[in-house]
Structures are given as C-alpha cells and as structure tokens.
Amino acid sequence: LAASRHLGLTQPTVGRHIDLLEERLGFTLFTRGREGMRLTDKGSDLV
C-alpha cells in the first residue's frame, strides 16, 4: 500500500509487479505478513 501510494500505482499492480519479478528471478524477494513485507535474504542482497 505504501509503495503504491509513493509510485502512483494501485496496490494490486504493485503486488503483480512483485509476483512477476519473483517469478522471473525464480526466488522469493519478500515474506508477506500482517506487519507488512519483509525482505528475504535474497531480496536483501538485491535491494
């Protein structure tokens, strides 16, 4: 949600972008939880 507001995109679009990027890379970038999105180790390596 915060990223979507910053980028001027809808929240579903932001979620789709992350899903497509993860699919393309072949690994998970974030763990999703109530507290928000947390980078995985591989995600941290790329940020």
All heavy atoms as atom14 arrays in JSON, in Angstrom:
{
  "sequence": "LAASRHLGLTQPTVGRHIDLLEERLGFTLFTRGREGMRLTDKGSDLV",
  "atom14_mask": [
    [1, 1, 1, 1, 1, 1, 1, 1, 0, 0, 0, 0, 0, 0],
    [1, 1, 1, 1, 1, 0, 0, 0, 0, 0, 0, 0, 0, 0],
    [1, 1, 1, 1, 1, 0, 0, 0, 0, 0, 0, 0, 0, 0],
    [1, 1, 1, 1, 1, 1, 0, 0, 0, 0, 0, 0, 0, 0],
    [1, 1, 1, 1, 1, 1, 1, 1, 1, 1, 1, 0, 0, 0],
    [1, 1, 1, 1, 1, 1, 1, 1, 1, 1, 0, 0, 0, 0],
    [1, 1, 1, 1, 1, 1, 1, 1, 0, 0, 0, 0, 0, 0],
    [1, 1, 1, 1, 0, 0, 0, 0, 0, 0, 0, 0, 0, 0],
    [1, 1, 1, 1, 1, 1, 1, 1, 0, 0, 0, 0, 0, 0],
    [1, 1, 1, 1, 1, 1, 1, 0, 0, 0, 0, 0, 0, 0],
    [1, 1, 1, 1, 1, 1, 1, 1, 1, 0, 0, 0, 0, 0],
    [1, 1, 1, 1, 1, 1, 1, 0, 0, 0, 0, 0, 0, 0],
    [1, 1, 1, 1, 1, 1, 1, 0, 0, 0, 0, 0, 0, 0],
    [1, 1, 1, 1, 1, 1, 1, 0, 0, 0, 0, 0, 0, 0],
    [1, 1, 1, 1, 0, 0, 0, 0, 0, 0, 0, 0, 0, 0],
    [1, 1, 1, 1, 1, 1, 1, 1, 1, 1, 1, 0, 0, 0],
    [1, 1, 1, 1, 1, 1, 1, 1, 1, 1, 0, 0, 0, 0],
    [1, 1, 1, 1, 1, 1, 1, 1, 0, 0, 0, 0, 0, 0],
    [1, 1, 1, 1, 1, 1, 1, 1, 0, 0, 0, 0, 0, 0],
    [1, 1, 1, 1, 1, 1, 1, 1, 0, 0, 0, 0, 0, 0],
    [1, 1, 1, 1, 1, 1, 1, 1, 0, 0, 0, 0, 0, 0],
    [1, 1, 1, 1, 1, 1, 1, 1, 1, 0, 0, 0, 0, 0],
    [1, 1, 1, 1, 1, 1, 1, 1, 1, 0, 0, 0, 0, 0],
    [1, 1, 1, 1, 1, 1, 1, 1, 1, 1, 1, 0, 0, 0],
    [1, 1, 1, 1, 1, 1, 1, 1, 0, 0, 0, 0, 0, 0],
    [1, 1, 1, 1, 0, 0, 0, 0, 0, 0, 0, 0, 0, 0],
    [1, 1, 1, 1, 1, 1, 1, 1, 1, 1, 1, 0, 0, 0],
    [1, 1, 1, 1, 1, 1, 1, 0, 0, 0, 0, 0, 0, 0],
    [1, 1, 1, 1, 1, 1, 1, 1, 0, 0, 0, 0, 0, 0],
    [1, 1, 1, 1, 1, 1, 1, 1, 1, 1, 1, 0, 0, 0],
    [1, 1, 1, 1, 1, 1, 1, 0, 0, 0, 0, 0, 0, 0],
    [1, 1, 1, 1, 1, 1, 1, 1, 1, 1, 1, 0, 0, 0],
    [1, 1, 1, 1, 0, 0, 0, 0, 0, 0, 0, 0, 0, 0],
    [1, 1, 1, 1, 1, 1, 1, 1, 1, 1, 1, 0, 0, 0],
    [1, 1, 1, 1, 1, 1, 1, 1, 1, 0, 0, 0, 0, 0],
    [1, 1, 1, 1, 0, 0, 0, 0, 0, 0, 0, 0, 0, 0],
    [1, 1, 1, 1, 1, 1, 1, 1, 0, 0, 0, 0, 0, 0],
    [1, 1, 1, 1, 1, 1, 1, 1, 1, 1, 1, 0, 0, 0],
    [1, 1, 1, 1, 1, 1, 1, 1, 0, 0, 0, 0, 0, 0],
    [1, 1, 1, 1, 1, 1, 1, 0, 0, 0, 0, 0, 0, 0],
    [1, 1, 1, 1, 1, 1, 1, 1, 0, 0, 0, 0, 0, 0],
    [1, 1, 1, 1, 1, 1, 1, 1, 1, 0, 0, 0, 0, 0],
    [1, 1, 1, 1, 0, 0, 0, 0, 0, 0, 0, 0, 0, 0],
    [1, 1, 1, 1, 1, 1, 0, 0, 0, 0, 0, 0, 0, 0],
    [1, 1, 1, 1, 1, 1, 1, 1, 0, 0, 0, 0, 0, 0],
    [1, 1, 1, 1, 1, 1, 1, 1, 0, 0, 0, 0, 0, 0],
    [1, 1, 1, 1, 1, 1, 1, 0, 0, 0, 0, 0, 0, 0]
  ],
  "atom14_positions": [
    [[0.83, -1.21, 0.0], [0.0, 0.0, 0.0], [0.86, 1.26, 0.0], [0.64, 2.17, -0.8], [-0.95, -0.01, 1.2], [-1.87, 1.21, 1.31], [-2.76, 1.34, 0.09], [-2.71, 1.11, 2.58], [0.0, 0.0, 0.0], [0.0, 0.0, 0.0], [0.0, 0.0, 0.0], [0.0, 0.0, 0.0], [0.0, 0.0, 0.0], [0.0, 0.0, 0.0]],
    [[1.85, 1.31, 0.88], [2.71, 2.5, 0.94], [3.49, 2.67, -0.37], [3.62, 3.8, -0.86], [3.66, 2.39, 2.13], [0.0, 0.0, 0.0], [0.0, 0.0, 0.0], [0.0, 0.0, 0.0], [0.0, 0.0, 0.0], [0.0, 0.0, 0.0], [0.0, 0.0, 0.0], [0.0, 0.0, 0.0], [0.0, 0.0, 0.0], [0.0, 0.0, 0.0]],
    [[3.97, 1.57, -0.92], [4.69, 1.65, -2.2], [3.76, 2.11, -3.31], [4.16, 2.92, -4.16], [5.31, 0.3, -2.55], [0.0, 0.0, 0.0], [0.0, 0.0, 0.0], [0.0, 0.0, 0.0], [0.0, 0.0, 0.0], [0.0, 0.0, 0.0], [0.0, 0.0, 0.0], [0.0, 0.0, 0.0], [0.0, 0.0, 0.0], [0.0, 0.0, 0.0]],
    [[2.53, 1.61, -3.31], [1.59, 2.01, -4.36], [1.3, 3.51, -4.29], [1.22, 4.17, -5.32], [0.29, 1.2, -4.28], [-0.47, 1.54, -3.14], [0.0, 0.0, 0.0], [0.0, 0.0, 0.0], [0.0, 0.0, 0.0], [0.0, 0.0, 0.0], [0.0, 0.0, 0.0], [0.0, 0.0, 0.0], [0.0, 0.0, 0.0], [0.0, 0.0, 0.0]],
    [[1.19, 4.03, -3.1], [0.95, 5.47, -2.94], [2.15, 6.27, -3.43], [1.99, 7.29, -4.09], [0.64, 5.8, -1.49], [-0.71, 5.31, -1.06], [-0.98, 5.6, 0.39], [-2.35, 5.19, 0.75], [-2.73, 4.93, 1.97], [-1.9, 5.04, 2.99], [-3.99, 4.57, 2.2], [0.0, 0.0, 0.0], [0.0, 0.0, 0.0], [0.0, 0.0, 0.0]],
    [[3.34, 5.81, -3.08], [4.56, 6.5, -3.5], [4.73, 6.5, -5.02], [5.13, 7.5, -5.61], [5.77, 5.83, -2.84], [7.08, 6.36, -3.3], [7.59, 7.57, -2.87], [7.98, 5.86, -4.17], [8.74, 7.78, -3.47], [9.01, 6.76, -4.26], [0.0, 0.0, 0.0], [0.0, 0.0, 0.0], [0.0, 0.0, 0.0], [0.0, 0.0, 0.0]],
    [[4.39, 5.36, -5.64], [4.59, 5.22, -7.09], [3.41, 5.71, -7.92], [3.54, 5.84, -9.14], [4.85, 3.75, -7.42], [6.13, 3.15, -6.85], [6.12, 1.63, -7.02], [7.35, 3.77, -7.5], [0.0, 0.0, 0.0], [0.0, 0.0, 0.0], [0.0, 0.0, 0.0], [0.0, 0.0, 0.0], [0.0, 0.0, 0.0], [0.0, 0.0, 0.0]],
    [[2.27, 5.95, -7.27], [1.08, 6.36, -8.03], [0.46, 5.21, -8.78], [-0.13, 5.41, -9.85], [0.0, 0.0, 0.0], [0.0, 0.0, 0.0], [0.0, 0.0, 0.0], [0.0, 0.0, 0.0], [0.0, 0.0, 0.0], [0.0, 0.0, 0.0], [0.0, 0.0, 0.0], [0.0, 0.0, 0.0], [0.0, 0.0, 0.0], [0.0, 0.0, 0.0]],
    [[0.59, 4.0, -8.24], [0.02, 2.8, -8.84], [-1.02, 2.22, -7.89], [-1.05, 2.58, -6.72], [1.12, 1.75, -9.08], [2.28, 2.15, -9.98], [3.38, 1.09, -9.93], [1.8, 2.36, -11.4], [0.0, 0.0, 0.0], [0.0, 0.0, 0.0], [0.0, 0.0, 0.0], [0.0, 0.0, 0.0], [0.0, 0.0, 0.0], [0.0, 0.0, 0.0]],
    [[-1.82, 1.3, -8.39], [-2.75, 0.63, -7.5], [-2.01, -0.45, -6.72], [-0.97, -0.97, -7.17], [-3.92, -0.02, -8.26], [-3.41, -1.08, -9.08], [-4.66, 1.01, -9.12], [0.0, 0.0, 0.0], [0.0, 0.0, 0.0], [0.0, 0.0, 0.0], [0.0, 0.0, 0.0], [0.0, 0.0, 0.0], [0.0, 0.0, 0.0], [0.0, 0.0, 0.0]],
    [[-2.55, -0.81, -5.56], [-1.93, -1.86, -4.76], [-1.88, -3.2, -5.5], [-0.85, -3.87, -5.46], [-2.68, -1.99, -3.43], [-2.02, -2.94, -2.47], [-2.69, -2.95, -1.11], [-3.49, -2.08, -0.78], [-2.37, -3.94, -0.3], [0.0, 0.0, 0.0], [0.0, 0.0, 0.0], [0.0, 0.0, 0.0], [0.0, 0.0, 0.0], [0.0, 0.0, 0.0]],
    [[-2.96, -3.59, -6.22], [-2.86, -4.84, -6.98], [-1.77, -4.82, -8.06], [-1.11, -5.83, -8.3], [-4.24, -4.99, -7.62], [-5.15, -4.23, -6.71], [-4.32, -3.07, -6.23], [0.0, 0.0, 0.0], [0.0, 0.0, 0.0], [0.0, 0.0, 0.0], [0.0, 0.0, 0.0], [0.0, 0.0, 0.0], [0.0, 0.0, 0.0], [0.0, 0.0, 0.0]],
    [[-1.54, -3.67, -8.67], [-0.47, -3.55, -9.67], [0.89, -3.75, -9.02], [1.75, -4.46, -9.56], [-0.54, -2.19, -10.39], [-1.78, -2.11, -11.09], [0.61, -2.01, -11.36], [0.0, 0.0, 0.0], [0.0, 0.0, 0.0], [0.0, 0.0, 0.0], [0.0, 0.0, 0.0], [0.0, 0.0, 0.0], [0.0, 0.0, 0.0], [0.0, 0.0, 0.0]],
    [[1.09, -3.16, -7.88], [2.36, -3.32, -7.16], [2.56, -4.79, -6.8], [3.65, -5.35, -7.0], [2.41, -2.41, -5.91], [3.6, -2.75, -5.03], [2.45, -0.94, -6.33], [0.0, 0.0, 0.0], [0.0, 0.0, 0.0], [0.0, 0.0, 0.0], [0.0, 0.0, 0.0], [0.0, 0.0, 0.0], [0.0, 0.0, 0.0], [0.0, 0.0, 0.0]],
    [[1.52, -5.43, -6.3], [1.61, -6.86, -5.98], [1.93, -7.7, -7.19], [2.75, -8.64, -7.12], [0.0, 0.0, 0.0], [0.0, 0.0, 0.0], [0.0, 0.0, 0.0], [0.0, 0.0, 0.0], [0.0, 0.0, 0.0], [0.0, 0.0, 0.0], [0.0, 0.0, 0.0], [0.0, 0.0, 0.0], [0.0, 0.0, 0.0], [0.0, 0.0, 0.0]],
    [[1.33, -7.38, -8.32], [1.6, -8.1, -9.58], [3.05, -7.91, -10.01], [3.7, -8.85, -10.46], [0.65, -7.62, -10.67], [-0.27, -8.67, -11.19], [-1.14, -8.27, -12.34], [-1.4, -6.86, -12.57], [-2.4, -6.15, -12.02], [-3.24, -6.73, -11.2], [-2.56, -4.89, -12.31], [0.0, 0.0, 0.0], [0.0, 0.0, 0.0], [0.0, 0.0, 0.0]],
    [[3.56, -6.69, -9.88], [4.95, -6.42, -10.24], [5.89, -7.31, -9.42], [6.83, -7.89, -9.96], [5.31, -4.96, -10.01], [4.8, -4.03, -11.06], [5.19, -2.71, -11.1], [3.94, -4.2, -12.08], [4.58, -2.11, -12.12], [3.81, -3.0, -12.72], [0.0, 0.0, 0.0], [0.0, 0.0, 0.0], [0.0, 0.0, 0.0], [0.0, 0.0, 0.0]],
    [[5.63, -7.4, -8.12], [6.48, -8.21, -7.25], [6.36, -9.69, -7.63], [7.36, -10.4, -7.75], [6.14, -7.98, -5.77], [6.42, -6.52, -5.36], [6.91, -8.97, -4.88], [7.84, -6.05, -5.58], [0.0, 0.0, 0.0], [0.0, 0.0, 0.0], [0.0, 0.0, 0.0], [0.0, 0.0, 0.0], [0.0, 0.0, 0.0], [0.0, 0.0, 0.0]],
    [[5.14, -10.14, -7.84], [4.94, -11.55, -8.23], [5.66, -11.88, -9.54], [6.3, -12.92, -9.65], [3.44, -11.85, -8.39], [2.69, -11.85, -7.08], [3.32, -11.94, -6.0], [1.43, -11.77, -7.13], [0.0, 0.0, 0.0], [0.0, 0.0, 0.0], [0.0, 0.0, 0.0], [0.0, 0.0, 0.0], [0.0, 0.0, 0.0], [0.0, 0.0, 0.0]],
    [[5.56, -11.0, -10.53], [6.2, -11.23, -11.82], [7.73, -11.21, -11.7], [8.42, -12.01, -12.32], [5.73, -10.21, -12.86], [4.29, -10.37, -13.33], [3.85, -9.13, -14.11], [4.14, -11.62, -14.16], [0.0, 0.0, 0.0], [0.0, 0.0, 0.0], [0.0, 0.0, 0.0], [0.0, 0.0, 0.0], [0.0, 0.0, 0.0], [0.0, 0.0, 0.0]],
    [[8.24, -10.29, -10.89], [9.68, -10.22, -10.69], [10.19, -11.48, -9.99], [11.2, -12.06, -10.39], [10.05, -8.97, -9.89], [11.53, -8.68, -9.71], [12.26, -8.57, -11.04], [11.72, -7.41, -8.89], [0.0, 0.0, 0.0], [0.0, 0.0, 0.0], [0.0, 0.0, 0.0], [0.0, 0.0, 0.0], [0.0, 0.0, 0.0], [0.0, 0.0, 0.0]],
    [[9.48, -11.91, -8.97], [9.86, -13.14, -8.27], [9.8, -14.35, -9.2], [10.71, -15.19, -9.18], [8.95, -13.37, -7.05], [9.21, -12.41, -5.92], [8.28, -12.59, -4.75], [7.14, -13.1, -4.92], [8.67, -12.2, -3.63], [0.0, 0.0, 0.0], [0.0, 0.0, 0.0], [0.0, 0.0, 0.0], [0.0, 0.0, 0.0], [0.0, 0.0, 0.0]],
    [[8.78, -14.39, -10.03], [8.66, -15.49, -11.0], [9.84, -15.47, -11.97], [10.45, -16.51, -12.26], [7.34, -15.37, -11.76], [7.11, -16.46, -12.77], [5.8, -16.25, -13.52], [4.79, -15.89, -12.88], [5.81, -16.43, -14.75], [0.0, 0.0, 0.0], [0.0, 0.0, 0.0], [0.0, 0.0, 0.0], [0.0, 0.0, 0.0], [0.0, 0.0, 0.0]],
    [[10.18, -14.31, -12.46], [11.27, -14.18, -13.42], [12.61, -14.56, -12.8], [13.44, -15.23, -13.41], [11.31, -12.73, -13.96], [12.49, -12.42, -14.86], [12.44, -13.24, -16.14], [13.55, -12.9, -16.99], [14.58, -13.7, -17.22], [14.64, -14.88, -16.7], [15.57, -13.3, -18.01], [0.0, 0.0, 0.0], [0.0, 0.0, 0.0], [0.0, 0.0, 0.0]],
    [[12.83, -14.11, -11.55], [14.1, -14.4, -10.88], [14.17, -15.83, -10.37], [15.27, -16.37, -10.2], [14.3, -13.43, -9.71], [14.5, -11.97, -10.09], [14.5, -11.1, -8.84], [15.8, -11.78, -10.87], [0.0, 0.0, 0.0], [0.0, 0.0, 0.0], [0.0, 0.0, 0.0], [0.0, 0.0, 0.0], [0.0, 0.0, 0.0], [0.0, 0.0, 0.0]],
    [[13.03, -16.42, -10.09], [13.0, -17.79, -9.61], [13.18, -17.94, -8.12], [13.5, -19.03, -7.64], [0.0, 0.0, 0.0], [0.0, 0.0, 0.0], [0.0, 0.0, 0.0], [0.0, 0.0, 0.0], [0.0, 0.0, 0.0], [0.0, 0.0, 0.0], [0.0, 0.0, 0.0], [0.0, 0.0, 0.0], [0.0, 0.0, 0.0], [0.0, 0.0, 0.0]],
    [[12.99, -16.85, -7.38], [13.05, -16.94, -5.91], [12.2, -15.83, -5.29], [11.82, -14.87, -5.96], [14.49, -16.9, -5.38], [15.32, -15.73, -5.86], [15.23, -14.49, -5.27], [16.22, -15.91, -6.91], [16.01, -13.43, -5.71], [17.01, -14.86, -7.36], [16.91, -13.62, -6.75], [0.0, 0.0, 0.0], [0.0, 0.0, 0.0], [0.0, 0.0, 0.0]],
    [[11.93, -15.99, -4.01], [11.07, -15.06, -3.28], [11.9, -13.88, -2.78], [12.99, -14.06, -2.22], [10.42, -15.79, -2.08], [9.7, -16.91, -2.58], [9.48, -14.89, -1.31], [0.0, 0.0, 0.0], [0.0, 0.0, 0.0], [0.0, 0.0, 0.0], [0.0, 0.0, 0.0], [0.0, 0.0, 0.0], [0.0, 0.0, 0.0], [0.0, 0.0, 0.0]],
    [[11.37, -12.68, -2.98], [12.04, -11.46, -2.53], [11.55, -11.0, -1.16], [12.3, -10.36, -0.42], [11.8, -10.34, -3.55], [12.39, -10.59, -4.93], [11.84, -9.58, -5.93], [13.91, -10.52, -4.88], [0.0, 0.0, 0.0], [0.0, 0.0, 0.0], [0.0, 0.0, 0.0], [0.0, 0.0, 0.0], [0.0, 0.0, 0.0], [0.0, 0.0, 0.0]],
    [[10.29, -11.3, -0.86], [9.67, -10.83, 0.39], [8.93, -11.98, 1.06], [8.42, -12.87, 0.39], [8.64, -9.74, 0.1], [9.2, -8.47, -0.46], [9.19, -8.23, -1.82], [9.73, -7.49, 0.37], [9.7, -7.06, -2.35], [10.25, -6.32, -0.15], [10.22, -6.1, -1.51], [0.0, 0.0, 0.0], [0.0, 0.0, 0.0], [0.0, 0.0, 0.0]],
    [[8.83, -11.87, 2.38], [7.85, -12.66, 3.1], [6.72, -11.71, 3.42], [6.96, -10.54, 3.75], [8.42, -13.29, 4.39], [8.94, -12.25, 5.22], [9.51, -14.3, 4.08], [0.0, 0.0, 0.0], [0.0, 0.0, 0.0], [0.0, 0.0, 0.0], [0.0, 0.0, 0.0], [0.0, 0.0, 0.0], [0.0, 0.0, 0.0], [0.0, 0.0, 0.0]],
    [[5.52, -12.18, 3.25], [4.35, -11.33, 3.46], [3.72, -11.69, 4.8], [3.53, -12.86, 5.12], [3.35, -11.55, 2.33], [3.85, -11.06, 0.99], [3.26, -11.87, -0.17], [3.52, -11.3, -1.47], [4.59, -11.55, -2.19], [5.53, -12.34, -1.73], [4.75, -10.99, -3.36], [0.0, 0.0, 0.0], [0.0, 0.0, 0.0], [0.0, 0.0, 0.0]],
    [[3.38, -10.67, 5.56], [2.76, -10.9, 6.85], [1.93, -9.72, 7.28], [1.84, -8.71, 6.57], [0.0, 0.0, 0.0], [0.0, 0.0, 0.0], [0.0, 0.0, 0.0], [0.0, 0.0, 0.0], [0.0, 0.0, 0.0], [0.0, 0.0, 0.0], [0.0, 0.0, 0.0], [0.0, 0.0, 0.0], [0.0, 0.0, 0.0], [0.0, 0.0, 0.0]],
    [[1.31, -9.87, 8.42], [0.47, -8.78, 8.93], [1.24, -7.48, 9.11], [0.68, -6.4, 8.96], [-0.13, -9.17, 10.28], [-1.35, -9.97, 10.18], [-2.1, -9.82, 11.48], [-2.65, -11.07, 11.91], [-2.83, -11.41, 13.15], [-2.45, -10.6, 14.12], [-3.38, -12.54, 13.46], [0.0, 0.0, 0.0], [0.0, 0.0, 0.0], [0.0, 0.0, 0.0]],
    [[2.51, -7.62, 9.48], [3.33, -6.44, 9.73], [3.87, -5.8, 8.45], [4.54, -4.79, 8.49], [4.49, -6.78, 10.67], [5.5, -7.77, 10.12], [5.08, -9.22, 10.14], [4.11, -9.59, 10.83], [5.71, -10.01, 9.42], [0.0, 0.0, 0.0], [0.0, 0.0, 0.0], [0.0, 0.0, 0.0], [0.0, 0.0, 0.0], [0.0, 0.0, 0.0]],
    [[3.57, -6.4, 7.31], [4.0, -5.84, 6.03], [4.88, -6.8, 5.26], [4.8, -8.01, 5.44], [0.0, 0.0, 0.0], [0.0, 0.0, 0.0], [0.0, 0.0, 0.0], [0.0, 0.0, 0.0], [0.0, 0.0, 0.0], [0.0, 0.0, 0.0], [0.0, 0.0, 0.0], [0.0, 0.0, 0.0], [0.0, 0.0, 0.0], [0.0, 0.0, 0.0]],
    [[5.7, -6.24, 4.45], [6.58, -7.01, 3.57], [7.99, -6.96, 4.14], [8.53, -5.87, 4.35], [6.56, -6.42, 2.16], [5.19, -6.31, 1.52], [4.56, -7.88, 0.98], [5.43, -8.04, -0.57], [0.0, 0.0, 0.0], [0.0, 0.0, 0.0], [0.0, 0.0, 0.0], [0.0, 0.0, 0.0], [0.0, 0.0, 0.0], [0.0, 0.0, 0.0]],
    [[8.57, -8.13, 4.36], [9.94, -8.22, 4.85], [10.81, -8.87, 3.78], [10.43, -9.88, 3.21], [10.0, -9.06, 6.12], [9.43, -8.39, 7.3], [9.75, -9.18, 8.52], [9.27, -8.46, 9.68], [9.4, -8.88, 10.89], [9.99, -10.02, 11.13], [8.94, -8.17, 11.89], [0.0, 0.0, 0.0], [0.0, 0.0, 0.0], [0.0, 0.0, 0.0]],
    [[11.96, -8.28, 3.56], [12.88, -8.82, 2.58], [13.4, -10.18, 3.03], [13.72, -10.38, 4.21], [14.07, -7.88, 2.39], [13.81, -6.61, 1.6], [14.96, -5.64, 1.8], [13.61, -6.92, 0.14], [0.0, 0.0, 0.0], [0.0, 0.0, 0.0], [0.0, 0.0, 0.0], [0.0, 0.0, 0.0], [0.0, 0.0, 0.0], [0.0, 0.0, 0.0]],
    [[13.5, -11.1, 2.1], [14.2, -12.35, 2.34], [15.69, -12.07, 2.23], [16.1, -10.96, 1.86], [13.81, -13.42, 1.29], [14.2, -12.94, 0.0], [12.31, -13.71, 1.31], [0.0, 0.0, 0.0], [0.0, 0.0, 0.0], [0.0, 0.0, 0.0], [0.0, 0.0, 0.0], [0.0, 0.0, 0.0], [0.0, 0.0, 0.0], [0.0, 0.0, 0.0]],
    [[16.52, -13.05, 2.52], [17.97, -12.86, 2.37], [18.32, -12.51, 0.93], [19.13, -11.61, 0.69], [18.72, -14.12, 2.8], [18.68, -14.35, 4.31], [18.38, -13.39, 5.06], [18.94, -15.49, 4.73], [0.0, 0.0, 0.0], [0.0, 0.0, 0.0], [0.0, 0.0, 0.0], [0.0, 0.0, 0.0], [0.0, 0.0, 0.0], [0.0, 0.0, 0.0]],
    [[17.71, -13.19, -0.02], [18.0, -12.9, -1.43], [17.48, -11.51, -1.81], [18.13, -10.8, -2.59], [17.41, -13.97, -2.33], [18.17, -15.28, -2.23], [17.71, -16.28, -3.25], [18.54, -17.54, -3.12], [18.29, -18.5, -4.16], [0.0, 0.0, 0.0], [0.0, 0.0, 0.0], [0.0, 0.0, 0.0], [0.0, 0.0, 0.0], [0.0, 0.0, 0.0]],
    [[16.33, -11.12, -1.28], [15.82, -9.79, -1.52], [16.75, -8.73, -0.96], [17.02, -7.71, -1.61], [0.0, 0.0, 0.0], [0.0, 0.0, 0.0], [0.0, 0.0, 0.0], [0.0, 0.0, 0.0], [0.0, 0.0, 0.0], [0.0, 0.0, 0.0], [0.0, 0.0, 0.0], [0.0, 0.0, 0.0], [0.0, 0.0, 0.0], [0.0, 0.0, 0.0]],
    [[17.27, -8.98, 0.23], [18.23, -8.05, 0.85], [19.48, -7.91, 0.01], [20.06, -6.82, -0.08], [18.6, -8.53, 2.25], [17.51, -8.43, 3.12], [0.0, 0.0, 0.0], [0.0, 0.0, 0.0], [0.0, 0.0, 0.0], [0.0, 0.0, 0.0], [0.0, 0.0, 0.0], [0.0, 0.0, 0.0], [0.0, 0.0, 0.0], [0.0, 0.0, 0.0]],
    [[19.89, -9.01, -0.6], [21.08, -8.97, -1.47], [20.87, -8.06, -2.68], [21.83, -7.48, -3.19], [21.44, -10.37, -1.97], [21.97, -11.28, -0.87], [22.36, -10.79, 0.21], [21.98, -12.52, -1.11], [0.0, 0.0, 0.0], [0.0, 0.0, 0.0], [0.0, 0.0, 0.0], [0.0, 0.0, 0.0], [0.0, 0.0, 0.0], [0.0, 0.0, 0.0]],
    [[19.64, -7.95, -3.14], [19.36, -7.18, -4.37], [18.94, -5.74, -4.13], [18.99, -4.92, -5.06], [18.27, -7.88, -5.18], [18.65, -9.22, -5.79], [17.46, -9.82, -6.51], [19.82, -9.05, -6.75], [0.0, 0.0, 0.0], [0.0, 0.0, 0.0], [0.0, 0.0, 0.0], [0.0, 0.0, 0.0], [0.0, 0.0, 0.0], [0.0, 0.0, 0.0]],
    [[18.51, -5.38, -2.93], [17.94, -4.06, -2.72], [18.97, -2.94, -2.95], [18.64, -1.9, -3.51], [17.23, -3.96, -1.35], [18.21, -3.86, -0.2], [16.25, -2.81, -1.34], [0.0, 0.0, 0.0], [0.0, 0.0, 0.0], [0.0, 0.0, 0.0], [0.0, 0.0, 0.0], [0.0, 0.0, 0.0], [0.0, 0.0, 0.0], [0.0, 0.0, 0.0]]
  ]
}
